[in-house]
Amino acid sequence: MFLRFVSIVALLNSAHSVENPCKGRVFQCEDVASSCAVIFPKVGEAPNQETNPNCFDTTSPDNVFAVNCRSTCELCCLEPQYNCDDDPIPNLPCPDEESWCTAFVDINFAHCRSACGWCERTTAPCIDALDTEFCKNLKNATGDLCSMPEVNVQCAKTCEVCIPDDCADASTRCSIWATNGFCEDPFYTEANAPSMYCKRTCDLC
């Protein structure tokens, strides 16, 4: 009888066991609520404390708050910027850390958007994979080394082969305005209009 009782308890516990859907996927995000640590305190003893299982136990009344506590609950993989599928190249896994995503932006944007937090992006980030000062030296070198594919890929921002997120024109008419002196005309520059409407065309990035 005792053995049967133990078996039933073990079965119930295993049926109710929950696992973090983001387990093994380390991403960075922030909590929306300030009381997450109170709602979902760590369990166990330090230094081996674990995430509160109520974070991913849908039968827990506290589970409804998990969406606002994804950092505390280690559920960052469910954030929109990570919530898509990767399509890694065979024998070339996606980066384990976001900091490695910038090494090969073109490849990672095409195959590892979830791992890099780029699910919501429609274009690859416009950045320099190499040190920006080093990229500037290559660009200013005799012959402008930006003409070399291996350079303009690694120094995309400096070589101006892409448009930085914060350096886009807000109007399609900027090229026309620029030929009419829009970028230098005091009437517009005093109102900061070139920066608001034609940041890239007026070379204000």
N, C-alpha and C. Protein backbone atom coordinates (compact mmCIF):
# COMPACT_ATOMS: atom_id res chain seq x y z
N MET A 1 0.84 -1.21 0.00
CA MET A 1 0.00 0.00 0.00
C MET A 1 0.87 1.26 0.00
N PHE A 2 1.91 1.26 0.83
CA PHE A 2 2.81 2.41 0.93
C PHE A 2 3.51 2.66 -0.40
N LEU A 3 3.99 1.57 -1.02
CA LEU A 3 4.68 1.69 -2.30
C LEU A 3 3.74 2.26 -3.37
N ARG A 4 2.47 1.84 -3.31
CA ARG A 4 1.51 2.35 -4.29
C ARG A 4 1.29 3.85 -4.09
N PHE A 5 1.24 4.28 -2.82
CA PHE A 5 1.06 5.71 -2.50
C PHE A 5 2.24 6.54 -3.01
N VAL A 6 3.46 6.02 -2.78
CA VAL A 6 4.66 6.70 -3.25
C VAL A 6 4.65 6.82 -4.76
N SER A 7 4.22 5.78 -5.44
CA SER A 7 4.18 5.79 -6.90
C SER A 7 3.20 6.83 -7.42
N ILE A 8 2.04 6.94 -6.73
CA ILE A 8 1.04 7.92 -7.15
C ILE A 8 1.57 9.34 -6.97
N VAL A 9 2.23 9.61 -5.83
CA VAL A 9 2.81 10.93 -5.57
C VAL A 9 3.85 11.27 -6.61
N ALA A 10 4.71 10.31 -6.92
CA ALA A 10 5.76 10.53 -7.91
C ALA A 10 5.14 10.83 -9.27
N LEU A 11 4.05 10.13 -9.62
CA LEU A 11 3.39 10.35 -10.90
C LEU A 11 2.79 11.75 -10.97
N LEU A 12 2.16 12.18 -9.88
CA LEU A 12 1.56 13.51 -9.84
C LEU A 12 2.62 14.59 -9.96
N ASN A 13 3.73 14.39 -9.27
CA ASN A 13 4.82 15.38 -9.32
C ASN A 13 5.40 15.49 -10.71
N SER A 14 5.58 14.35 -11.38
CA SER A 14 6.16 14.39 -12.71
C SER A 14 5.20 15.01 -13.71
N ALA A 15 3.88 14.80 -13.49
CA ALA A 15 2.89 15.36 -14.40
C ALA A 15 2.82 16.88 -14.25
N HIS A 16 3.14 17.35 -13.03
CA HIS A 16 3.04 18.78 -12.75
C HIS A 16 4.38 19.50 -12.93
N SER A 17 5.44 18.74 -13.22
CA SER A 17 6.76 19.37 -13.37
C SER A 17 6.74 20.29 -14.58
N VAL A 18 7.41 21.42 -14.44
CA VAL A 18 7.45 22.41 -15.52
C VAL A 18 8.90 22.74 -15.84
N GLU A 19 9.11 23.16 -17.06
CA GLU A 19 10.46 23.50 -17.48
C GLU A 19 10.45 24.82 -18.24
N ASN A 20 11.48 25.59 -18.03
CA ASN A 20 11.59 26.88 -18.70
C ASN A 20 11.69 26.68 -20.21
N PRO A 21 10.76 27.25 -20.99
CA PRO A 21 10.83 27.08 -22.45
C PRO A 21 12.06 27.73 -23.07
N CYS A 22 12.73 28.60 -22.30
CA CYS A 22 13.93 29.28 -22.81
C CYS A 22 15.21 28.63 -22.28
N LYS A 23 15.07 27.51 -21.65
CA LYS A 23 16.24 26.84 -21.06
C LYS A 23 17.31 26.59 -22.11
N GLY A 24 18.53 26.98 -21.77
CA GLY A 24 19.63 26.80 -22.69
C GLY A 24 19.79 27.93 -23.68
N ARG A 25 18.90 28.92 -23.64
CA ARG A 25 18.98 30.06 -24.55
C ARG A 25 19.17 31.32 -23.71
N VAL A 26 20.34 31.89 -23.74
CA VAL A 26 20.67 33.04 -22.89
C VAL A 26 20.53 34.34 -23.68
N PHE A 27 19.52 35.12 -23.32
CA PHE A 27 19.27 36.41 -23.95
C PHE A 27 19.15 37.49 -22.88
N GLN A 28 19.24 38.73 -23.31
CA GLN A 28 19.13 39.85 -22.39
C GLN A 28 17.83 40.60 -22.67
N CYS A 29 17.08 40.89 -21.60
CA CYS A 29 15.90 41.73 -21.72
C CYS A 29 15.65 42.37 -20.35
N GLU A 30 14.64 43.20 -20.25
CA GLU A 30 14.36 43.88 -18.99
C GLU A 30 12.95 43.57 -18.52
N ASP A 31 12.78 43.59 -17.19
CA ASP A 31 11.46 43.42 -16.61
C ASP A 31 10.63 44.67 -16.84
N VAL A 32 9.34 44.50 -17.06
CA VAL A 32 8.44 45.64 -17.18
C VAL A 32 7.99 46.09 -15.79
N ALA A 33 7.77 45.13 -14.90
CA ALA A 33 7.32 45.43 -13.53
C ALA A 33 8.52 45.55 -12.60
N SER A 34 8.36 46.33 -11.55
CA SER A 34 9.45 46.53 -10.58
C SER A 34 9.40 45.53 -9.43
N SER A 35 8.32 44.78 -9.33
CA SER A 35 8.14 43.87 -8.19
C SER A 35 8.39 42.41 -8.57
N CYS A 36 9.07 42.18 -9.69
CA CYS A 36 9.26 40.80 -10.17
C CYS A 36 10.00 39.91 -9.17
N ALA A 37 11.01 40.47 -8.52
CA ALA A 37 11.79 39.67 -7.56
C ALA A 37 10.95 39.25 -6.37
N VAL A 38 9.91 40.03 -6.07
CA VAL A 38 9.01 39.70 -4.96
C VAL A 38 8.00 38.65 -5.39
N ILE A 39 7.48 38.81 -6.60
CA ILE A 39 6.49 37.85 -7.11
C ILE A 39 7.13 36.50 -7.42
N PHE A 40 8.33 36.55 -7.96
CA PHE A 40 9.02 35.32 -8.36
C PHE A 40 10.40 35.22 -7.69
N PRO A 41 10.44 35.04 -6.37
CA PRO A 41 11.74 34.92 -5.70
C PRO A 41 12.46 33.64 -6.14
N LYS A 42 13.78 33.70 -6.15
CA LYS A 42 14.57 32.52 -6.50
C LYS A 42 14.29 31.41 -5.49
N VAL A 43 14.41 30.16 -5.92
CA VAL A 43 14.17 29.02 -5.03
C VAL A 43 15.47 28.27 -4.80
N GLY A 44 15.55 27.62 -3.65
CA GLY A 44 16.76 26.89 -3.31
C GLY A 44 17.74 27.75 -2.55
N GLU A 45 18.88 27.20 -2.25
CA GLU A 45 19.89 27.91 -1.48
C GLU A 45 21.02 28.38 -2.37
N ALA A 46 21.54 29.57 -2.03
CA ALA A 46 22.69 30.11 -2.77
C ALA A 46 23.89 29.20 -2.57
N PRO A 47 24.76 29.06 -3.53
CA PRO A 47 24.78 29.78 -4.82
C PRO A 47 24.06 29.04 -5.94
N ASN A 48 23.30 28.01 -5.58
CA ASN A 48 22.65 27.18 -6.61
C ASN A 48 21.16 27.48 -6.73
N GLN A 49 20.79 28.73 -6.51
CA GLN A 49 19.38 29.08 -6.62
C GLN A 49 18.90 28.99 -8.07
N GLU A 50 17.64 28.65 -8.21
CA GLU A 50 17.06 28.50 -9.55
C GLU A 50 15.87 29.43 -9.73
N THR A 51 15.49 29.61 -10.97
CA THR A 51 14.34 30.45 -11.30
C THR A 51 13.07 29.86 -10.71
N ASN A 52 12.22 30.72 -10.20
CA ASN A 52 10.96 30.28 -9.61
C ASN A 52 10.12 29.55 -10.66
N PRO A 53 9.70 28.30 -10.38
CA PRO A 53 8.94 27.53 -11.38
C PRO A 53 7.58 28.13 -11.71
N ASN A 54 7.08 29.02 -10.86
CA ASN A 54 5.79 29.67 -11.15
C ASN A 54 5.88 30.55 -12.40
N CYS A 55 7.11 30.88 -12.79
CA CYS A 55 7.29 31.68 -14.00
C CYS A 55 6.75 30.97 -15.23
N PHE A 56 6.88 29.67 -15.28
CA PHE A 56 6.45 28.92 -16.46
C PHE A 56 5.43 27.83 -16.16
N ASP A 57 4.91 27.83 -14.93
CA ASP A 57 3.85 26.89 -14.56
C ASP A 57 2.51 27.57 -14.79
N THR A 58 1.84 27.22 -15.87
CA THR A 58 0.59 27.89 -16.23
C THR A 58 -0.54 27.62 -15.25
N THR A 59 -0.36 26.67 -14.33
CA THR A 59 -1.40 26.41 -13.32
C THR A 59 -1.23 27.32 -12.11
N SER A 60 -0.13 28.05 -12.05
CA SER A 60 0.12 28.95 -10.92
C SER A 60 -0.61 30.28 -11.13
N PRO A 61 -1.26 30.81 -10.09
CA PRO A 61 -1.94 32.11 -10.20
C PRO A 61 -0.96 33.24 -10.54
N ASP A 62 0.32 33.08 -10.15
CA ASP A 62 1.31 34.12 -10.41
C ASP A 62 1.79 34.13 -11.86
N ASN A 63 1.50 33.07 -12.58
CA ASN A 63 2.04 32.93 -13.94
C ASN A 63 1.62 34.07 -14.88
N VAL A 64 0.46 34.68 -14.60
CA VAL A 64 -0.01 35.76 -15.47
C VAL A 64 0.93 36.96 -15.43
N PHE A 65 1.75 37.07 -14.36
CA PHE A 65 2.67 38.19 -14.25
C PHE A 65 4.00 37.94 -14.96
N ALA A 66 4.22 36.70 -15.39
CA ALA A 66 5.50 36.34 -15.98
C ALA A 66 5.82 37.14 -17.23
N VAL A 67 4.80 37.54 -17.99
CA VAL A 67 5.02 38.30 -19.21
C VAL A 67 5.67 39.65 -18.91
N ASN A 68 5.48 40.16 -17.69
CA ASN A 68 6.09 41.43 -17.29
C ASN A 68 7.39 41.24 -16.53
N CYS A 69 7.78 39.99 -16.35
CA CYS A 69 8.98 39.68 -15.56
C CYS A 69 9.90 38.72 -16.31
N ARG A 70 10.06 38.93 -17.58
CA ARG A 70 10.80 37.96 -18.39
C ARG A 70 12.28 37.91 -18.08
N SER A 71 12.85 38.99 -17.57
CA SER A 71 14.25 38.95 -17.18
C SER A 71 14.41 38.11 -15.91
N THR A 72 13.62 38.40 -14.91
CA THR A 72 13.66 37.64 -13.65
C THR A 72 13.34 36.17 -13.89
N CYS A 73 12.39 35.93 -14.77
CA CYS A 73 11.96 34.56 -15.05
C CYS A 73 12.82 33.85 -16.10
N GLU A 74 13.81 34.56 -16.62
CA GLU A 74 14.68 34.01 -17.66
C GLU A 74 13.86 33.52 -18.86
N LEU A 75 12.91 34.37 -19.27
CA LEU A 75 12.05 34.07 -20.40
C LEU A 75 12.29 35.05 -21.55
N CYS A 76 13.49 35.58 -21.61
CA CYS A 76 13.79 36.59 -22.62
C CYS A 76 13.63 36.07 -24.05
N CYS A 77 13.74 34.78 -24.24
CA CYS A 77 13.63 34.24 -25.60
C CYS A 77 12.22 34.45 -26.17
N LEU A 78 11.26 34.78 -25.30
CA LEU A 78 9.89 35.02 -25.76
C LEU A 78 9.65 36.47 -26.17
N GLU A 79 10.66 37.34 -25.94
CA GLU A 79 10.52 38.72 -26.37
C GLU A 79 10.45 38.77 -27.90
N PRO A 80 9.70 39.74 -28.46
CA PRO A 80 9.52 39.80 -29.92
C PRO A 80 10.81 39.78 -30.72
N GLN A 81 11.87 40.44 -30.20
CA GLN A 81 13.11 40.51 -30.96
C GLN A 81 13.83 39.16 -31.06
N TYR A 82 13.43 38.19 -30.22
CA TYR A 82 14.05 36.87 -30.26
C TYR A 82 13.09 35.79 -30.75
N ASN A 83 11.82 36.13 -30.86
CA ASN A 83 10.79 35.11 -31.09
C ASN A 83 10.57 34.81 -32.57
N CYS A 84 11.60 34.27 -33.19
CA CYS A 84 11.51 33.78 -34.57
C CYS A 84 12.48 32.61 -34.68
N ASP A 85 12.52 31.98 -35.82
CA ASP A 85 13.37 30.79 -35.98
C ASP A 85 14.70 31.13 -36.64
N ASP A 86 15.74 30.51 -36.15
CA ASP A 86 17.04 30.60 -36.80
C ASP A 86 17.13 29.56 -37.90
N ASP A 87 17.97 29.82 -38.86
CA ASP A 87 18.21 28.88 -39.95
C ASP A 87 19.72 28.80 -40.19
N PRO A 88 20.44 28.26 -39.19
CA PRO A 88 21.90 28.27 -39.28
C PRO A 88 22.45 27.48 -40.45
N ILE A 89 23.59 27.91 -40.92
CA ILE A 89 24.29 27.20 -41.99
C ILE A 89 24.82 25.89 -41.42
N PRO A 90 24.73 24.78 -42.17
CA PRO A 90 25.25 23.50 -41.68
C PRO A 90 26.68 23.62 -41.18
N ASN A 91 26.92 23.03 -40.02
CA ASN A 91 28.25 23.01 -39.38
C ASN A 91 28.72 24.40 -38.94
N LEU A 92 27.81 25.38 -38.94
CA LEU A 92 28.16 26.71 -38.47
C LEU A 92 27.04 27.21 -37.55
N PRO A 93 27.12 26.88 -36.27
CA PRO A 93 26.04 27.26 -35.33
C PRO A 93 25.92 28.76 -35.16
N CYS A 94 24.76 29.20 -34.76
CA CYS A 94 24.53 30.62 -34.50
C CYS A 94 25.30 31.04 -33.24
N PRO A 95 25.60 32.32 -33.11
CA PRO A 95 26.38 32.80 -31.95
C PRO A 95 25.69 32.48 -30.62
N ASP A 96 26.50 32.13 -29.63
CA ASP A 96 25.97 31.88 -28.28
C ASP A 96 25.72 33.19 -27.55
N GLU A 97 26.42 34.24 -27.93
CA GLU A 97 26.28 35.55 -27.30
C GLU A 97 26.01 36.60 -28.36
N GLU A 98 25.14 37.56 -28.02
CA GLU A 98 24.78 38.60 -28.98
C GLU A 98 25.99 39.41 -29.43
N SER A 99 27.00 39.52 -28.57
CA SER A 99 28.17 40.33 -28.92
C SER A 99 28.90 39.77 -30.14
N TRP A 100 28.71 38.47 -30.41
CA TRP A 100 29.38 37.86 -31.56
C TRP A 100 28.60 38.07 -32.86
N CYS A 101 27.39 38.60 -32.76
CA CYS A 101 26.54 38.77 -33.95
C CYS A 101 27.12 39.79 -34.92
N THR A 102 27.85 40.74 -34.39
CA THR A 102 28.38 41.81 -35.24
C THR A 102 29.60 41.39 -36.05
N ALA A 103 30.15 40.23 -35.76
CA ALA A 103 31.35 39.79 -36.48
C ALA A 103 31.04 39.54 -37.96
N PHE A 104 29.89 38.94 -38.24
CA PHE A 104 29.48 38.66 -39.61
C PHE A 104 28.00 39.02 -39.74
N VAL A 105 27.73 40.32 -39.79
CA VAL A 105 26.36 40.82 -39.78
C VAL A 105 25.53 40.22 -40.92
N ASP A 106 26.08 40.18 -42.13
CA ASP A 106 25.30 39.71 -43.28
C ASP A 106 24.87 38.26 -43.11
N ILE A 107 25.79 37.41 -42.64
CA ILE A 107 25.47 35.99 -42.45
C ILE A 107 24.50 35.81 -41.29
N ASN A 108 24.76 36.49 -40.18
CA ASN A 108 23.91 36.32 -39.00
C ASN A 108 22.52 36.89 -39.21
N PHE A 109 22.40 37.96 -39.99
CA PHE A 109 21.07 38.50 -40.25
C PHE A 109 20.26 37.53 -41.12
N ALA A 110 20.93 36.86 -42.02
CA ALA A 110 20.25 35.92 -42.91
C ALA A 110 19.90 34.62 -42.22
N HIS A 111 20.72 34.17 -41.26
CA HIS A 111 20.55 32.83 -40.70
C HIS A 111 20.34 32.77 -39.18
N CYS A 112 20.64 33.84 -38.45
CA CYS A 112 20.61 33.76 -36.98
C CYS A 112 19.90 34.95 -36.34
N ARG A 113 18.77 35.35 -36.90
CA ARG A 113 18.09 36.55 -36.42
C ARG A 113 17.57 36.39 -34.99
N SER A 114 17.13 35.20 -34.62
CA SER A 114 16.65 34.99 -33.26
C SER A 114 17.81 35.07 -32.26
N ALA A 115 18.88 34.39 -32.55
CA ALA A 115 20.05 34.39 -31.66
C ALA A 115 20.60 35.79 -31.45
N CYS A 116 20.43 36.64 -32.46
CA CYS A 116 20.99 37.99 -32.39
C CYS A 116 19.96 39.05 -31.97
N GLY A 117 18.72 38.64 -31.74
CA GLY A 117 17.70 39.60 -31.33
C GLY A 117 17.27 40.52 -32.46
N TRP A 118 17.27 40.00 -33.68
CA TRP A 118 16.95 40.82 -34.85
C TRP A 118 15.64 40.41 -35.52
N CYS A 119 14.77 39.69 -34.81
CA CYS A 119 13.54 39.19 -35.41
C CYS A 119 12.63 40.29 -35.95
N GLU A 120 12.66 41.44 -35.31
CA GLU A 120 11.76 42.53 -35.72
C GLU A 120 12.38 43.44 -36.79
N ARG A 121 13.62 43.19 -37.13
CA ARG A 121 14.29 44.03 -38.11
C ARG A 121 13.93 43.60 -39.53
N THR A 122 13.81 44.58 -40.42
CA THR A 122 13.58 44.28 -41.83
C THR A 122 14.86 44.41 -42.64
N THR A 123 15.87 45.05 -42.06
CA THR A 123 17.18 45.15 -42.69
C THR A 123 18.26 44.87 -41.66
N ALA A 124 19.41 44.45 -42.11
CA ALA A 124 20.51 44.15 -41.20
C ALA A 124 21.00 45.43 -40.52
N PRO A 125 21.49 45.34 -39.28
CA PRO A 125 22.02 46.51 -38.59
C PRO A 125 23.16 47.13 -39.39
N CYS A 126 23.22 48.44 -39.42
CA CYS A 126 24.29 49.13 -40.14
C CYS A 126 25.38 49.49 -39.15
N ILE A 127 26.39 48.64 -39.05
CA ILE A 127 27.45 48.81 -38.07
C ILE A 127 28.79 48.42 -38.67
N ASP A 128 29.84 48.79 -37.97
CA ASP A 128 31.18 48.33 -38.31
C ASP A 128 31.51 47.12 -37.46
N ALA A 129 31.84 46.01 -38.08
CA ALA A 129 32.22 44.82 -37.33
C ALA A 129 33.61 44.99 -36.74
N LEU A 130 34.46 45.75 -37.43
CA LEU A 130 35.80 46.05 -36.95
C LEU A 130 35.78 47.37 -36.18
N ASP A 131 36.86 47.67 -35.51
CA ASP A 131 36.97 48.94 -34.80
C ASP A 131 36.73 50.10 -35.77
N THR A 132 35.87 51.04 -35.36
CA THR A 132 35.49 52.14 -36.26
C THR A 132 36.69 52.97 -36.69
N GLU A 133 37.62 53.24 -35.78
CA GLU A 133 38.81 54.02 -36.15
C GLU A 133 39.64 53.28 -37.18
N PHE A 134 39.72 51.96 -37.03
CA PHE A 134 40.46 51.15 -37.99
C PHE A 134 39.77 51.22 -39.36
N CYS A 135 38.44 51.18 -39.34
CA CYS A 135 37.68 51.28 -40.59
C CYS A 135 37.90 52.63 -41.26
N LYS A 136 37.97 53.68 -40.46
CA LYS A 136 38.21 55.01 -41.02
C LYS A 136 39.58 55.09 -41.69
N ASN A 137 40.56 54.44 -41.06
CA ASN A 137 41.91 54.43 -41.65
C ASN A 137 41.91 53.71 -43.00
N LEU A 138 41.13 52.62 -43.08
CA LEU A 138 41.04 51.90 -44.35
C LEU A 138 40.34 52.75 -45.41
N LYS A 139 39.29 53.45 -44.99
CA LYS A 139 38.54 54.28 -45.93
C LYS A 139 39.39 55.44 -46.44
N ASN A 140 40.22 56.01 -45.54
CA ASN A 140 41.04 57.17 -45.90
C ASN A 140 42.37 56.80 -46.53
N ALA A 141 42.64 55.51 -46.61
CA ALA A 141 43.90 55.07 -47.20
C ALA A 141 43.91 55.37 -48.70
N THR A 142 45.08 55.42 -49.24
CA THR A 142 45.22 55.66 -50.68
C THR A 142 44.46 54.60 -51.47
N GLY A 143 43.61 55.07 -52.34
CA GLY A 143 42.82 54.13 -53.14
C GLY A 143 41.49 53.77 -52.52
N ASP A 144 41.19 54.27 -51.31
CA ASP A 144 39.92 53.99 -50.62
C ASP A 144 39.63 52.49 -50.60
N LEU A 145 40.13 51.80 -49.58
CA LEU A 145 40.01 50.35 -49.49
C LEU A 145 38.57 49.88 -49.33
N CYS A 146 37.65 50.82 -49.16
CA CYS A 146 36.24 50.44 -49.06
C CYS A 146 35.74 49.79 -50.35
N SER A 147 36.48 49.97 -51.43
CA SER A 147 36.08 49.36 -52.70
C SER A 147 36.31 47.85 -52.68
N MET A 148 37.05 47.37 -51.68
CA MET A 148 37.30 45.94 -51.57
C MET A 148 36.14 45.29 -50.80
N PRO A 149 35.51 44.24 -51.35
CA PRO A 149 34.34 43.61 -50.71
C PRO A 149 34.60 43.19 -49.27
N GLU A 150 35.78 42.64 -48.98
CA GLU A 150 36.06 42.17 -47.63
C GLU A 150 36.15 43.32 -46.64
N VAL A 151 36.43 44.52 -47.14
CA VAL A 151 36.48 45.70 -46.27
C VAL A 151 35.09 46.30 -46.10
N ASN A 152 34.36 46.50 -47.18
CA ASN A 152 33.06 47.16 -47.03
C ASN A 152 32.05 46.30 -46.29
N VAL A 153 32.26 44.98 -46.23
CA VAL A 153 31.37 44.13 -45.43
C VAL A 153 31.67 44.31 -43.95
N GLN A 154 32.95 44.36 -43.59
CA GLN A 154 33.35 44.49 -42.19
C GLN A 154 33.30 45.93 -41.69
N CYS A 155 33.26 46.88 -42.60
CA CYS A 155 33.21 48.31 -42.24
C CYS A 155 32.02 48.96 -42.95
N ALA A 156 30.89 48.29 -42.90
CA ALA A 156 29.71 48.72 -43.67
C ALA A 156 29.28 50.14 -43.34
N LYS A 157 29.30 50.50 -42.08
CA LYS A 157 28.84 51.84 -41.70
C LYS A 157 29.81 52.92 -42.19
N THR A 158 31.09 52.73 -41.91
CA THR A 158 32.10 53.71 -42.33
C THR A 158 32.19 53.80 -43.85
N CYS A 159 32.08 52.67 -44.52
CA CYS A 159 32.16 52.65 -45.98
C CYS A 159 30.85 53.08 -46.64
N GLU A 160 29.86 53.37 -45.81
CA GLU A 160 28.58 53.89 -46.29
C GLU A 160 27.91 52.97 -47.30
N VAL A 161 27.95 51.68 -47.01
CA VAL A 161 27.25 50.73 -47.88
C VAL A 161 25.88 50.37 -47.28
N CYS A 162 25.56 50.96 -46.15
CA CYS A 162 24.26 50.77 -45.52
C CYS A 162 23.87 52.06 -44.82
N ILE A 163 22.62 52.15 -44.41
CA ILE A 163 22.12 53.35 -43.74
C ILE A 163 21.94 53.06 -42.26
N PRO A 164 22.65 53.79 -41.38
CA PRO A 164 22.50 53.57 -39.93
C PRO A 164 21.06 53.81 -39.48
N ASP A 165 20.65 53.11 -38.43
CA ASP A 165 19.28 53.24 -37.95
C ASP A 165 18.92 54.68 -37.62
N ASP A 166 19.89 55.44 -37.13
CA ASP A 166 19.60 56.82 -36.72
C ASP A 166 20.02 57.82 -37.79
N CYS A 167 20.21 57.35 -39.02
CA CYS A 167 20.67 58.24 -40.08
C CYS A 167 19.87 58.04 -41.35
N ALA A 168 18.58 58.11 -41.25
CA ALA A 168 17.74 57.95 -42.42
C ALA A 168 17.00 59.25 -42.72
N ASP A 169 16.77 59.52 -43.98
CA ASP A 169 15.97 60.69 -44.36
C ASP A 169 14.50 60.42 -44.06
N ALA A 170 13.82 61.46 -43.61
CA ALA A 170 12.39 61.33 -43.31
C ALA A 170 11.53 61.72 -44.51
N SER A 171 12.16 62.15 -45.58
CA SER A 171 11.43 62.55 -46.78
C SER A 171 12.13 62.03 -48.03
N THR A 172 11.33 61.63 -49.00
CA THR A 172 11.90 61.13 -50.27
C THR A 172 12.33 62.29 -51.17
N ARG A 173 12.03 63.51 -50.77
CA ARG A 173 12.35 64.69 -51.60
C ARG A 173 13.67 65.34 -51.20
N CYS A 174 14.41 64.72 -50.27
CA CYS A 174 15.63 65.34 -49.75
C CYS A 174 16.66 65.64 -50.84
N SER A 175 16.80 64.75 -51.80
CA SER A 175 17.80 64.99 -52.85
C SER A 175 17.44 66.23 -53.67
N ILE A 176 16.16 66.45 -53.89
CA ILE A 176 15.72 67.63 -54.63
C ILE A 176 15.95 68.89 -53.79
N TRP A 177 15.56 68.82 -52.52
CA TRP A 177 15.74 69.97 -51.63
C TRP A 177 17.22 70.33 -51.52
N ALA A 178 18.08 69.30 -51.43
CA ALA A 178 19.51 69.54 -51.24
C ALA A 178 20.09 70.33 -52.41
N THR A 179 19.65 70.03 -53.62
CA THR A 179 20.16 70.76 -54.79
C THR A 179 19.72 72.22 -54.78
N ASN A 180 18.69 72.52 -54.01
CA ASN A 180 18.20 73.90 -53.91
C ASN A 180 18.75 74.62 -52.68
N GLY A 181 19.77 73.98 -52.03
CA GLY A 181 20.43 74.64 -50.90
C GLY A 181 19.79 74.41 -49.55
N PHE A 182 18.89 73.44 -49.45
CA PHE A 182 18.18 73.17 -48.20
C PHE A 182 19.12 72.91 -47.03
N CYS A 183 20.22 72.19 -47.29
CA CYS A 183 21.12 71.78 -46.21
C CYS A 183 21.91 72.94 -45.61
N GLU A 184 22.13 74.00 -46.40
CA GLU A 184 22.96 75.12 -45.93
C GLU A 184 22.16 76.40 -45.68
N ASP A 185 20.94 76.47 -46.16
CA ASP A 185 20.14 77.69 -46.04
C ASP A 185 19.87 78.02 -44.58
N PRO A 186 20.31 79.19 -44.09
CA PRO A 186 20.10 79.59 -42.68
C PRO A 186 18.64 79.52 -42.26
N PHE A 187 17.73 79.81 -43.19
CA PHE A 187 16.30 79.78 -42.86
C PHE A 187 15.89 78.41 -42.34
N TYR A 188 16.46 77.37 -42.94
CA TYR A 188 16.11 76.00 -42.54
C TYR A 188 17.01 75.49 -41.42
N THR A 189 18.30 75.83 -41.50
CA THR A 189 19.23 75.30 -40.50
C THR A 189 18.94 75.84 -39.10
N GLU A 190 18.46 77.08 -39.00
CA GLU A 190 18.12 77.64 -37.68
C GLU A 190 16.95 76.90 -37.05
N ALA A 191 16.09 76.37 -37.88
CA ALA A 191 14.93 75.61 -37.38
C ALA A 191 15.27 74.12 -37.23
N ASN A 192 16.53 73.78 -37.55
CA ASN A 192 17.01 72.39 -37.44
C ASN A 192 16.27 71.45 -38.40
N ALA A 193 15.70 72.01 -39.44
CA ALA A 193 14.94 71.20 -40.40
C ALA A 193 15.78 70.14 -41.11
N PRO A 194 17.01 70.46 -41.55
CA PRO A 194 17.81 69.43 -42.22
C PRO A 194 18.01 68.19 -41.36
N SER A 195 18.23 68.39 -40.06
CA SER A 195 18.45 67.25 -39.16
C SER A 195 17.17 66.44 -38.98
N MET A 196 16.02 67.12 -39.01
CA MET A 196 14.76 66.43 -38.81
C MET A 196 14.29 65.67 -40.05
N TYR A 197 14.57 66.23 -41.24
CA TYR A 197 14.01 65.65 -42.46
C TYR A 197 15.03 64.99 -43.38
N CYS A 198 16.24 65.50 -43.41
CA CYS A 198 17.22 65.00 -44.39
C CYS A 198 18.58 64.75 -43.74
N LYS A 199 18.58 64.02 -42.68
CA LYS A 199 19.80 63.79 -41.90
C LYS A 199 20.91 63.16 -42.75
N ARG A 200 20.56 62.18 -43.53
CA ARG A 200 21.58 61.48 -44.33
C ARG A 200 22.00 62.33 -45.52
N THR A 201 21.07 62.86 -46.24
CA THR A 201 21.38 63.66 -47.43
C THR A 201 22.23 64.86 -47.08
N CYS A 202 21.95 65.47 -45.93
CA CYS A 202 22.70 66.66 -45.52
C CYS A 202 23.97 66.32 -44.74
N ASP A 203 24.30 65.02 -44.70
CA ASP A 203 25.53 64.55 -44.05
C ASP A 203 25.60 65.01 -42.60
N LEU A 204 24.54 64.78 -41.86
CA LEU A 204 24.47 65.19 -40.45
C LEU A 204 24.50 64.02 -39.49
N CYS A 205 24.91 62.85 -39.95
CA CYS A 205 24.93 61.66 -39.09
C CYS A 205 26.23 61.60 -38.28
